C-alpha atoms as a PDB file:
ATOM      1  CA  MET A   1      75.658  67.844 -68.021  1.00  0.00           C
ATOM      2  CA  ILE A   2      78.196  65.012 -68.595  1.00  0.00           C
ATOM      3  CA  VAL A   3      79.624  65.371 -72.251  1.00  0.00           C
ATOM      4  CA  LYS A   4      82.620  63.207 -73.905  1.00  0.00           C
ATOM      5  CA  GLU A   5      85.442  66.520 -74.878  1.00  0.00           C
ATOM      6  CA  GLU A   6      85.958  63.798 -77.501  1.00  0.00           C
ATOM      7  CA  PHE A   7      81.991  64.060 -79.149  1.00  0.00           C
ATOM      8  CA  LEU A   8      82.519  68.159 -78.074  1.00  0.00           C
ATOM      9  CA  SER A   9      85.654  68.096 -80.446  1.00  0.00           C
ATOM     10  CA  LYS A  10      83.699  66.279 -83.207  1.00  0.00           C
ATOM     11  CA  LEU A  11      80.788  68.748 -83.231  1.00  0.00           C
ATOM     12  CA  ARG A  12      83.454  71.553 -82.820  1.00  0.00           C
ATOM     13  CA  ARG A  13      84.914  70.164 -86.260  1.00  0.00           C
ATOM     14  CA  TYR A  14      81.767  69.307 -88.212  1.00  0.00           C
ATOM     15  CA  PHE A  15      79.462  72.588 -87.270  1.00  0.00           C
ATOM     16  CA  SER A  16      82.515  74.941 -87.223  1.00  0.00           C
ATOM     17  CA  LEU A  17      81.563  76.002 -83.699  1.00  0.00           C
ATOM     18  CA  ASN A  18      84.209  77.527 -80.566  1.00  0.00           C
ATOM     19  CA  LEU A  19      83.981  75.884 -77.439  1.00  0.00           C
ATOM     20  CA  TYR A  20      81.935  77.607 -75.698  1.00  0.00           C
ATOM     21  CA  GLU A  21      79.593  77.646 -78.584  1.00  0.00           C
ATOM     22  CA  VAL A  22      79.189  73.757 -78.396  1.00  0.00           C
ATOM     23  CA  LYS A  23      79.358  73.408 -75.164  1.00  0.00           C
ATOM     24  CA  VAL A  24      75.887  75.834 -74.809  1.00  0.00           C
ATOM     25  CA  TRP A  25      74.432  74.138 -77.678  1.00  0.00           C
ATOM     26  CA  ALA A  26      74.746  70.641 -76.521  1.00  0.00           C
ATOM     27  CA  ALA A  27      73.349  71.875 -72.854  1.00  0.00           C
ATOM     28  CA  LEU A  28      70.547  73.355 -74.884  1.00  0.00           C
ATOM     29  CA  LEU A  29      69.600  70.282 -76.853  1.00  0.00           C
ATOM     30  CA  SER A  30      69.565  68.267 -73.458  1.00  0.00           C
ATOM     31  CA  ARG A  31      67.286  70.422 -71.656  1.00  0.00           C
ATOM     32  CA  GLY A  32      65.377  71.389 -75.155  1.00  0.00           C
ATOM     33  CA  VAL A  33      64.219  74.829 -73.707  1.00  0.00           C
ATOM     34  CA  SER A  34      66.268  76.788 -71.308  1.00  0.00           C
ATOM     35  CA  THR A  35      67.561  80.437 -70.117  1.00  0.00           C
ATOM     36  CA  ALA A  36      71.351  81.668 -70.320  1.00  0.00           C
ATOM     37  CA  GLY A  37      71.782  81.266 -66.750  1.00  0.00           C
ATOM     38  CA  GLU A  38      70.924  77.545 -66.284  1.00  0.00           C
ATOM     39  CA  LEU A  39      72.622  77.142 -69.622  1.00  0.00           C
ATOM     40  CA  SER A  40      76.076  79.003 -68.328  1.00  0.00           C
ATOM     41  CA  ASP A  41      75.489  76.578 -65.280  1.00  0.00           C
ATOM     42  CA  ILE A  42      75.382  73.265 -67.253  1.00  0.00           C
ATOM     43  CA  ALA A  43      77.798  74.042 -69.613  1.00  0.00           C
ATOM     44  CA  ASN A  44      79.974  75.623 -67.276  1.00  0.00           C
ATOM     45  CA  VAL A  45      80.330  78.602 -69.690  1.00  0.00           C
ATOM     46  CA  PRO A  46      80.958  82.031 -67.628  1.00  0.00           C
ATOM     47  CA  ARG A  47      77.780  83.966 -67.631  1.00  0.00           C
ATOM     48  CA  SER A  48      79.156  87.011 -68.861  1.00  0.00           C
ATOM     49  CA  ARG A  49      80.077  85.096 -72.498  1.00  0.00           C
ATOM     50  CA  SER A  50      76.532  82.798 -72.000  1.00  0.00           C
ATOM     51  CA  TYR A  51      74.361  85.979 -73.954  1.00  0.00           C
ATOM     52  CA  ASP A  52      77.087  86.735 -76.356  1.00  0.00           C
ATOM     53  CA  VAL A  53      77.494  82.602 -76.940  1.00  0.00           C
ATOM     54  CA  LEU A  54      73.488  82.347 -77.521  1.00  0.00           C
ATOM     55  CA  GLU A  55      73.521  85.712 -79.727  1.00  0.00           C
ATOM     56  CA  SER A  56      76.121  84.073 -81.981  1.00  0.00           C
ATOM     57  CA  LEU A  57      74.482  80.459 -81.913  1.00  0.00           C
ATOM     58  CA  GLU A  58      70.960  82.168 -82.461  1.00  0.00           C
ATOM     59  CA  LYS A  59      72.758  84.120 -85.848  1.00  0.00           C
ATOM     60  CA  LYS A  60      74.018  80.974 -87.150  1.00  0.00           C
ATOM     61  CA  GLY A  61      70.797  79.148 -86.609  1.00  0.00           C
ATOM     62  CA  PHE A  62      71.236  76.794 -83.796  1.00  0.00           C
ATOM     63  CA  VAL A  63      68.912  78.410 -81.600  1.00  0.00           C
ATOM     64  CA  ILE A  64      65.788  80.129 -81.361  1.00  0.00           C
ATOM     65  CA  MET A  65      64.763  82.867 -78.723  1.00  0.00           C
ATOM     66  CA  LYS A  66      61.572  82.387 -77.041  1.00  0.00           C
ATOM     67  CA  LEU A  67      59.103  85.477 -76.292  1.00  0.00           C
ATOM     68  CA  GLY A  68      58.384  86.199 -72.858  1.00  0.00           C
ATOM     69  CA  LYS A  69      60.239  87.235 -69.705  1.00  0.00           C
ATOM     70  CA  PRO A  70      62.344  85.166 -68.429  1.00  0.00           C
ATOM     71  CA  ILE A  71      64.563  85.376 -71.868  1.00  0.00           C
ATOM     72  CA  LYS A  72      64.432  81.598 -72.873  1.00  0.00           C
ATOM     73  CA  TYR A  73      65.888  79.687 -75.771  1.00  0.00           C
ATOM     74  CA  ILE A  74      64.513  76.891 -77.984  1.00  0.00           C
ATOM     75  CA  ALA A  75      67.132  74.279 -79.194  1.00  0.00           C
ATOM     76  CA  VAL A  76      66.435  73.859 -83.099  1.00  0.00           C
ATOM     77  CA  PRO A  77      66.373  69.963 -83.999  1.00  0.00           C
ATOM     78  CA  PRO A  78      69.475  68.742 -85.355  1.00  0.00           C
ATOM     79  CA  THR A  79      68.262  67.348 -88.841  1.00  0.00           C
ATOM     80  CA  GLU A  80      67.424  71.051 -88.915  1.00  0.00           C
ATOM     81  CA  VAL A  81      70.377  72.765 -88.019  1.00  0.00           C
ATOM     82  CA  ILE A  82      72.656  70.384 -90.659  1.00  0.00           C
ATOM     83  CA  GLU A  83      70.518  71.812 -93.176  1.00  0.00           C
ATOM     84  CA  ARG A  84      70.998  75.584 -92.241  1.00  0.00           C
ATOM     85  CA  VAL A  85      74.786  74.824 -91.739  1.00  0.00           C
ATOM     86  CA  LYS A  86      75.026  73.230 -95.059  1.00  0.00           C
ATOM     87  CA  LYS A  87      73.204  76.336 -96.460  1.00  0.00           C
ATOM     88  CA  ASN A  88      75.487  78.627 -94.527  1.00  0.00           C
ATOM     89  CA  MET A  89      78.884  77.074 -95.993  1.00  0.00           C
ATOM     90  CA  LYS A  90      77.569  76.586 -99.289  1.00  0.00           C
ATOM     91  CA  LYS A  91      76.788  80.501 -99.222  1.00  0.00           C
ATOM     92  CA  GLU A  92      79.982  81.516 -97.482  1.00  0.00           C
ATOM     93  CA  SER A  93      81.964  79.207-100.096  1.00  0.00           C
ATOM     94  CA  ASP A  94      80.036  80.764-103.075  1.00  0.00           C
ATOM     95  CA  ALA A  95      81.488  84.310-101.956  1.00  0.00           C
ATOM     96  CA  LYS A  96      84.652  83.180-101.680  1.00  0.00           C
ATOM     97  CA  VAL A  97      84.980  81.416-104.915  1.00  0.00           C
ATOM     98  CA  LYS A  98      83.268  84.280-106.615  1.00  0.00           C
ATOM     99  CA  ARG A  99      86.012  86.612-104.590  1.00  0.00           C
ATOM    100  CA  LEU A 100      88.938  84.950-106.054  1.00  0.00           C
ATOM    101  CA  ASP A 101      87.401  84.959-109.834  1.00  0.00           C
ATOM    102  CA  ASP A 102      86.463  88.627-109.623  1.00  0.00           C
ATOM    103  CA  LEU A 103      90.609  88.861-108.408  1.00  0.00           C
ATOM    104  CA  LYS A 104      91.452  87.339-112.034  1.00  0.00           C
ATOM    105  CA  ASN A 105      90.438  90.953-113.002  1.00  0.00           C
ATOM    106  CA  THR A 106      92.457  93.025-111.230  1.00  0.00           C
ATOM    107  CA  GLU A 107      95.614  94.189-111.180  1.00  0.00           C
ATOM    108  CA  ILE A 108      96.535  92.425-108.032  1.00  0.00           C
ATOM    109  CA  LEU A 109      96.977  89.703-110.120  1.00  0.00           C
ATOM    110  CA  ASN A 110      98.992  91.109-112.388  1.00  0.00           C
ATOM    111  CA  GLU A 111     101.075  92.231-109.817  1.00  0.00           C
ATOM    112  CA  LEU A 112     101.075  88.480-108.430  1.00  0.00           C
ATOM    113  CA  ASN A 113     102.283  87.321-111.440  1.00  0.00           C
ATOM    114  CA  THR A 114     104.854  89.530-112.256  1.00  0.00           C
ATOM    115  CA  LEU A 115     106.121  88.792-108.765  1.00  0.00           C
ATOM    116  CA  HIS A 116     106.156  84.769-109.838  1.00  0.00           C
ATOM    117  CA  THR A 117     108.039  85.636-113.122  1.00  0.00           C
ATOM    118  CA  GLN A 118     110.516  87.314-111.833  1.00  0.00           C
ATOM    119  CA  GLY A 119     111.476  84.891-109.153  1.00  0.00           C
ATOM    120  CA  VAL A 120     111.567  82.170-111.891  1.00  0.00           C
ATOM    121  CA  GLU A 121     113.856  83.770-113.716  1.00  0.00           C
ATOM    122  CA  LEU A 122     116.281  83.843-110.907  1.00  0.00           C
ATOM    123  CA  VAL A 123     116.085  80.146-109.784  1.00  0.00           C
ATOM    124  CA  GLU A 124     118.143  77.965-111.649  1.00  0.00           C
ATOM    125  CA  PRO A 125     116.220  75.097-113.289  1.00  0.00           C
ATOM    126  CA  ALA A 126     117.658  71.992-111.468  1.00  0.00           C
ATOM    127  CA  ASP A 127     115.877  73.652-108.145  1.00  0.00           C
ATOM    128  CA  LEU A 128     112.936  73.784-109.527  1.00  0.00           C
ATOM    129  CA  SER A 129     112.013  70.266-107.625  1.00  0.00           C
ATOM    130  CA  GLY A 130     109.373  69.036-104.911  1.00  0.00           C
ATOM    131  CA  SER A 131     108.042  66.829-102.860  1.00  0.00           C
ATOM    132  CA  LEU A 132     104.158  65.897-102.988  1.00  0.00           C
ATOM    133  CA  ARG A 133     102.632  64.545-100.083  1.00  0.00           C
ATOM    134  CA  GLY A 134      98.991  63.197-100.082  1.00  0.00           C
ATOM    135  CA  ARG A 135      97.250  61.637-103.236  1.00  0.00           C
ATOM    136  CA  HIS A 136      95.208  65.050-103.298  1.00  0.00           C
ATOM    137  CA  ASN A 137      98.229  67.006-103.421  1.00  0.00           C
ATOM    138  CA  LEU A 138      99.416  64.882-106.234  1.00  0.00           C
ATOM    139  CA  TYR A 139      96.615  64.808-108.619  1.00  0.00           C
ATOM    140  CA  ASN A 140      96.402  69.105-107.817  1.00  0.00           C
ATOM    141  CA  HIS A 141      99.926  69.462-109.358  1.00  0.00           C
ATOM    142  CA  LEU A 142      99.498  66.686-111.766  1.00  0.00           C
ATOM    143  CA  GLU A 143      96.763  68.950-113.158  1.00  0.00           C
ATOM    144  CA  LEU A 144      98.627  72.229-113.033  1.00  0.00           C
ATOM    145  CA  THR A 145     101.694  70.518-115.013  1.00  0.00           C
ATOM    146  CA  LEU A 146      99.076  68.862-117.535  1.00  0.00           C
ATOM    147  CA  LYS A 147      97.623  71.925-118.167  1.00  0.00           C
ATOM    148  CA  ASN A 148     100.651  73.926-119.221  1.00  0.00           C
ATOM    149  CA  ALA A 149     101.619  70.872-121.494  1.00  0.00           C
ATOM    150  CA  GLU A 150     102.135  72.369-125.371  1.00  0.00           C
ATOM    151  CA  GLN A 151     103.818  69.461-127.003  1.00  0.00           C
ATOM    152  CA  SER A 152     103.201  66.078-125.016  1.00  0.00           C
ATOM    153  CA  VAL A 153     101.768  64.193-122.181  1.00  0.00           C
ATOM    154  CA  ILE A 154     103.482  60.285-121.416  1.00  0.00           C
ATOM    155  CA  ILE A 155     101.744  58.542-118.315  1.00  0.00           C
ATOM    156  CA  MET A 156     102.717  55.261-116.994  1.00  0.00           C
ATOM    157  CA  THR A 157     100.673  54.456-114.409  1.00  0.00           C
ATOM    158  CA  THR A 158      98.867  51.248-112.373  1.00  0.00           C
ATOM    159  CA  SER A 159      95.342  49.875-113.475  1.00  0.00           C
ATOM    160  CA  GLN A 160      94.038  51.782-110.515  1.00  0.00           C
ATOM    161  CA  GLY A 161      95.894  54.638-111.417  1.00  0.00           C
ATOM    162  CA  LEU A 162      94.423  54.495-114.569  1.00  0.00           C
ATOM    163  CA  ILE A 163      91.160  55.020-113.931  1.00  0.00           C
ATOM    164  CA  ARG A 164      91.597  57.813-111.057  1.00  0.00           C
ATOM    165  CA  LYS A 165      93.671  59.866-113.667  1.00  0.00           C
ATOM    166  CA  ILE A 166      90.736  59.222-115.885  1.00  0.00           C
ATOM    167  CA  GLU A 167      87.607  60.023-113.359  1.00  0.00           C
ATOM    168  CA  GLY A 168      89.826  63.116-112.279  1.00  0.00           C
ATOM    169  CA  LEU A 169      91.765  64.843-115.132  1.00  0.00           C
ATOM    170  CA  LYS A 170      89.797  63.869-118.156  1.00  0.00           C
ATOM    171  CA  PRO A 171      88.536  67.439-118.778  1.00  0.00           C
ATOM    172  CA  VAL A 172      92.279  68.313-118.459  1.00  0.00           C
ATOM    173  CA  LEU A 173      93.630  66.139-120.958  1.00  0.00           C
ATOM    174  CA  GLU A 174      90.377  66.974-123.553  1.00  0.00           C
ATOM    175  CA  GLN A 175      91.508  70.414-123.313  1.00  0.00           C
ATOM    176  CA  ILE A 176      95.143  70.164-124.081  1.00  0.00           C
ATOM    177  CA  LYS A 177      94.244  67.378-127.187  1.00  0.00           C
ATOM    178  CA  LYS A 178      92.047  70.460-128.368  1.00  0.00           C
ATOM    179  CA  ARG A 179      95.547  72.132-128.485  1.00  0.00           C
ATOM    180  CA  GLY A 180      97.519  69.469-130.683  1.00  0.00           C
ATOM    181  CA  VAL A 181      99.629  67.874-127.559  1.00  0.00           C
ATOM    182  CA  LYS A 182     100.134  64.312-127.873  1.00  0.00           C
ATOM    183  CA  ILE A 183      98.877  62.203-125.128  1.00  0.00           C
ATOM    184  CA  ARG A 184     100.272  58.249-124.520  1.00  0.00           C
ATOM    185  CA  ILE A 185      98.995  56.343-121.489  1.00  0.00           C
ATOM    186  CA  ALA A 186     100.665  52.729-120.727  1.00  0.00           C
ATOM    187  CA  ALA A 187      98.879  50.446-117.896  1.00  0.00           C
ATOM    188  CA  PRO A 188      98.306  47.099-117.155  1.00  0.00           C
ATOM    189  CA  LEU A 189      94.527  47.075-118.814  1.00  0.00           C
ATOM    190  CA  THR A 190      92.045  44.415-117.102  1.00  0.00           C
ATOM    191  CA  LYS A 191      88.762  43.820-117.417  1.00  0.00           C
ATOM    192  CA  GLU A 192      88.001  46.728-114.524  1.00  0.00           C
ATOM    193  CA  THR A 193      90.199  49.365-116.820  1.00  0.00           C
ATOM    194  CA  ARG A 194      87.901  48.456-119.925  1.00  0.00           C
ATOM    195  CA  ALA A 195      85.192  51.402-119.584  1.00  0.00           C
ATOM    196  CA  SER A 196      88.152  53.874-118.343  1.00  0.00           C
ATOM    197  CA  VAL A 197      89.986  52.889-121.546  1.00  0.00           C
ATOM    198  CA  LYS A 198      87.139  53.442-123.713  1.00  0.00           C
ATOM    199  CA  ASP A 199      86.115  56.375-122.034  1.00  0.00           C
ATOM    200  CA  ILE A 200      89.257  58.128-122.990  1.00  0.00           C
ATOM    201  CA  SER A 201      90.034  56.491-126.168  1.00  0.00           C
ATOM    202  CA  SER A 202      89.262  60.026-128.259  1.00  0.00           C
ATOM    203  CA  VAL A 203      91.715  61.937-126.142  1.00  0.00           C
ATOM    204  CA  ALA A 204      94.530  59.240-126.028  1.00  0.00           C
ATOM    205  CA  GLU A 205      96.727  56.252-127.347  1.00  0.00           C
ATOM    206  CA  VAL A 206      96.335  53.674-124.321  1.00  0.00           C
ATOM    207  CA  ARG A 207      98.701  50.151-124.817  1.00  0.00           C
ATOM    208  CA  HIS A 208      99.126  47.483-121.966  1.00  0.00           C
ATOM    209  CA  THR A 209     102.103  47.081-120.087  1.00  0.00           C
ATOM    210  CA  ASN A 210     102.812  44.494-117.295  1.00  0.00           C
ATOM    211  CA  SER A 211     104.744  47.474-115.585  1.00  0.00           C
ATOM    212  CA  LYS A 212     103.831  49.053-112.021  1.00  0.00           C
ATOM    213  CA  ALA A 213     105.556  52.056-112.648  1.00  0.00           C
ATOM    214  CA  ARG A 214     104.074  55.588-111.829  1.00  0.00           C
ATOM    215  CA  PHE A 215     105.439  58.595-113.617  1.00  0.00           C
ATOM    216  CA  THR A 216     103.983  61.254-115.910  1.00  0.00           C
ATOM    217  CA  ILE A 217     106.204  62.955-118.221  1.00  0.00           C
ATOM    218  CA  VAL A 218     105.339  66.641-119.650  1.00  0.00           C
ATOM    219  CA  ASP A 219     107.035  68.141-123.125  1.00  0.00           C
ATOM    220  CA  GLY A 220     110.138  66.198-122.288  1.00  0.00           C
ATOM    221  CA  LYS A 221     110.573  68.509-119.503  1.00  0.00           C
ATOM    222  CA  GLU A 222     108.887  68.087-116.414  1.00  0.00           C
ATOM    223  CA  ILE A 223     108.415  64.762-114.519  1.00  0.00           C
ATOM    224  CA  ILE A 224     106.455  63.428-111.665  1.00  0.00           C
ATOM    225  CA  PHE A 225     106.821  60.388-110.255  1.00  0.00           C
ATOM    226  CA  MET A 226     105.771  58.076-107.513  1.00  0.00           C
ATOM    227  CA  VAL A 227     107.786  56.618-105.214  1.00  0.00           C
ATOM    228  CA  LEU A 228     105.575  54.040-103.432  1.00  0.00           C
ATOM    229  CA  ASP A 229     102.888  51.152-104.725  1.00  0.00           C
ATOM    230  CA  ASP A 230      99.743  52.389-104.628  1.00  0.00           C
ATOM    231  CA  GLU A 231      98.311  49.055-103.695  1.00  0.00           C
ATOM    232  CA  GLN A 232      99.971  49.012-100.599  1.00  0.00           C
ATOM    233  CA  VAL A 233      99.819  52.945 -99.504  1.00  0.00           C
ATOM    234  CA  HIS A 234      97.049  54.593 -98.084  1.00  0.00           C
ATOM    235  CA  PRO A 235      96.253  57.897-100.283  1.00  0.00           C
ATOM    236  CA  THR A 236      96.916  60.193 -97.492  1.00  0.00           C
ATOM    237  CA  TYR A 237     100.528  58.738 -97.293  1.00  0.00           C
ATOM    238  CA  ASP A 238     101.451  58.645-101.094  1.00  0.00           C
ATOM    239  CA  ILE A 239     104.258  60.527-102.123  1.00  0.00           C
ATOM    240  CA  GLY A 240     105.230  61.764-105.315  1.00  0.00           C
ATOM    241  CA  ILE A 241     108.244  63.888-106.797  1.00  0.00           C
ATOM    242  CA  TRP A 242     108.446  66.593-109.127  1.00  0.00           C
ATOM    243  CA  VAL A 243     110.892  67.566-110.824  1.00  0.00           C
ATOM    244  CA  ASN A 244     111.889  70.175-114.058  1.00  0.00           C
ATOM    245  CA  THR A 245     114.775  68.701-115.467  1.00  0.00           C
ATOM    246  CA  PRO A 246     114.954  68.779-119.498  1.00  0.00           C
ATOM    247  CA  PHE A 247     118.026  66.265-119.285  1.00  0.00           C
ATOM    248  CA  PHE A 248     116.783  63.429-117.371  1.00  0.00           C
ATOM    249  CA  ALA A 249     113.280  63.762-118.465  1.00  0.00           C
ATOM    250  CA  ASN A 250     114.311  63.192-122.371  1.00  0.00           C
ATOM    251  CA  ALA A 251     116.686  60.567-121.431  1.00  0.00           C
ATOM    252  CA  LEU A 252     113.386  58.843-119.627  1.00  0.00           C
ATOM    253  CA  GLU A 253     111.459  59.711-122.574  1.00  0.00           C
ATOM    254  CA  GLU A 254     113.405  58.027-125.052  1.00  0.00           C
ATOM    255  CA  LEU A 255     113.343  54.861-122.924  1.00  0.00           C
ATOM    256  CA  PHE A 256     109.600  55.140-123.048  1.00  0.00           C
ATOM    257  CA  ASP A 257     109.461  55.612-126.549  1.00  0.00           C
ATOM    258  CA  LEU A 258     111.671  52.101-127.272  1.00  0.00           C
ATOM    259  CA  ALA A 259     109.204  50.153-124.576  1.00  0.00           C
ATOM    260  CA  TRP A 260     106.130  51.569-126.012  1.00  0.00           C
ATOM    261  CA  LYS A 261     106.870  50.198-129.735  1.00  0.00           C
ATOM    262  CA  SER A 262     106.824  46.837-128.169  1.00  0.00           C
ATOM    263  CA  LEU A 263     103.219  47.235-126.515  1.00  0.00           C
ATOM    264  CA  LYS A 264     100.095  46.056-128.120  1.00  0.00           C
ATOM    265  CA  PRO A 265      97.551  48.948-129.014  1.00  0.00           C
ATOM    266  CA  THR A 266      93.863  48.399-127.083  1.00  0.00           C
ATOM    267  CA  LYS A 267      91.538  47.520-129.588  1.00  0.00           C
ATOM    268  CA  GLU A 268      89.749  51.115-128.553  1.00  0.00           C
ATOM    269  CA  THR A 269      92.767  52.784-129.459  1.00  0.00           C
ATOM    270  CA  LYS A 270      93.828  51.336-132.734  1.00  0.00           C
END
């Protein structure tokens, strides 16, 4: 059986199989029905492992053991395999999520929180900073920072950044708005952003700016700012800096307040 290593690697990644499993499965697909010995020879897998591998594939829903002697195996159609793998992945994912949810009601979480609280108390405020690589990580940390907001949130972003933030962070913004947090957003407003601005108008005040700066200030204490132009960088390589620095955050907030007064409010947020 001649199958490119690149193809086998993709199968391993998509279906979460080990090397022997993916080799035997590919060999069986090429034959339709075959014995463990034949598959061992075709796939170049040790015979001592072929039965274990086939048993594993059977449990995962990739193959069916045919009745009779010698024992043969039948390949399940790939389309059906995909559905079975999806179902199994969802089942495993739901189980993991449930375990994490159950963890909230245990002493383990209390102990973890105690460790974290004690650790933070020993850290100098200036040391509470970090680099965030990749837009996914950026938005995860941004969401966490916004959740802890108590008084104010300032967001300066680009047109596309505004659309992304409203799509991904609107539930969090609505949540902190109910707690009385004041939310202000400045961004270049275009025809593309019109629907997003309307969608967030009841939660935040949005004003137009020509600036392409990208930063968020929370409670005049924490700053998350992006160092690259989002139009010229792939999301995977986007970089942000998170800093817990009341001195600099207050200074930047004062500059924002001065600029905010000169910005025109949108019709939706007047």
